[in-house]
Amino acid sequence: MMWSLVAFGYLVIVLTAIAVEIYAQRKPDVIAPLGDMLDHVMKSRTTRVAVIAAWWWFGWHFAFAETVQLEL
């Protein structure tokens, strides 16, 4: 039950992100499309290093870190 609720939550987030990107592609004067936003953000070297560090942190904690097993 809990797994399906979490999966549904992530599905809602992904579908919302896709819908916002489609809207941004159609009306770029209202919301910047993802590519334009990333071009603007990645101009700074500090930001690029922070993005790499964030991806490393997420990858380490979700792919390699030992998960906590709770006994209920």
Protein backbone atom coordinates (compact mmCIF):
# COMPACT_ATOMS: atom_id res chain seq x y z
CA MET A 1 0.00 0.00 0.00
CA MET A 2 2.68 2.50 1.01
CA TRP A 3 4.83 1.62 -2.01
CA SER A 4 1.99 2.31 -4.41
CA LEU A 5 1.28 5.64 -2.72
CA VAL A 6 4.92 6.70 -3.08
CA ALA A 7 5.03 5.51 -6.70
CA PHE A 8 1.84 7.44 -7.44
CA GLY A 9 3.36 10.57 -5.86
CA TYR A 10 6.46 10.32 -8.04
CA LEU A 11 4.29 9.72 -11.09
CA VAL A 12 2.32 12.89 -10.33
CA ILE A 13 5.58 14.86 -10.00
CA VAL A 14 6.92 13.53 -13.33
CA LEU A 15 3.65 14.19 -15.17
CA THR A 16 3.46 17.71 -13.72
CA ALA A 17 7.04 18.41 -14.84
CA ILE A 18 6.23 17.18 -18.36
CA ALA A 19 3.08 19.32 -18.49
CA VAL A 20 4.99 22.42 -17.33
CA GLU A 21 7.70 21.82 -19.93
CA ILE A 22 5.11 21.47 -22.71
CA TYR A 23 3.48 24.70 -21.55
CA ALA A 24 6.88 26.41 -21.41
CA GLN A 25 7.68 25.32 -24.97
CA ARG A 26 4.42 26.84 -26.20
CA LYS A 27 4.66 30.07 -24.17
CA PRO A 28 8.35 30.81 -23.49
CA ASP A 29 7.57 34.41 -22.52
CA VAL A 30 5.59 33.15 -19.49
CA ILE A 31 7.80 30.25 -18.29
CA ALA A 32 11.34 29.58 -19.47
CA PRO A 33 11.80 26.16 -21.10
CA LEU A 34 14.15 23.79 -19.31
CA GLY A 35 16.91 24.11 -21.92
CA ASP A 36 16.94 27.91 -21.74
CA MET A 37 16.94 27.82 -17.95
CA LEU A 38 19.85 25.37 -17.85
CA ASP A 39 21.80 27.48 -20.36
CA HIS A 40 21.40 30.50 -18.09
CA VAL A 41 22.18 28.63 -14.87
CA MET A 42 25.23 26.76 -16.20
CA LYS A 43 27.10 29.92 -17.22
CA SER A 44 28.70 30.11 -13.79
CA ARG A 45 31.48 27.68 -12.88
CA THR A 46 30.30 27.62 -9.27
CA THR A 47 26.86 26.48 -10.35
CA ARG A 48 28.29 23.74 -12.55
CA VAL A 49 30.35 22.42 -9.64
CA ALA A 50 27.28 22.56 -7.36
CA VAL A 51 25.19 20.62 -9.90
CA ILE A 52 27.87 17.93 -10.20
CA ALA A 53 28.12 17.72 -6.40
CA ALA A 54 24.33 17.42 -6.07
CA TRP A 55 24.17 14.64 -8.68
CA TRP A 56 27.02 12.84 -6.91
CA TRP A 57 25.21 13.14 -3.56
CA PHE A 58 21.91 11.85 -4.97
CA GLY A 59 23.65 9.01 -6.79
CA TRP A 60 25.61 7.98 -3.73
CA HIS A 61 22.64 8.02 -1.38
CA PHE A 62 20.14 6.37 -3.70
CA ALA A 63 22.36 3.93 -5.60
CA PHE A 64 25.17 2.88 -3.25
CA ALA A 65 24.25 3.73 0.32
CA GLU A 66 22.89 0.96 2.51
CA THR A 67 19.20 1.36 3.09
CA VAL A 68 17.61 1.31 6.52
CA GLN A 69 15.40 -1.71 7.11
CA LEU A 70 12.69 -0.95 9.64
CA GLU A 71 10.97 -3.78 11.40
CA LEU A 72 7.33 -2.93 11.84
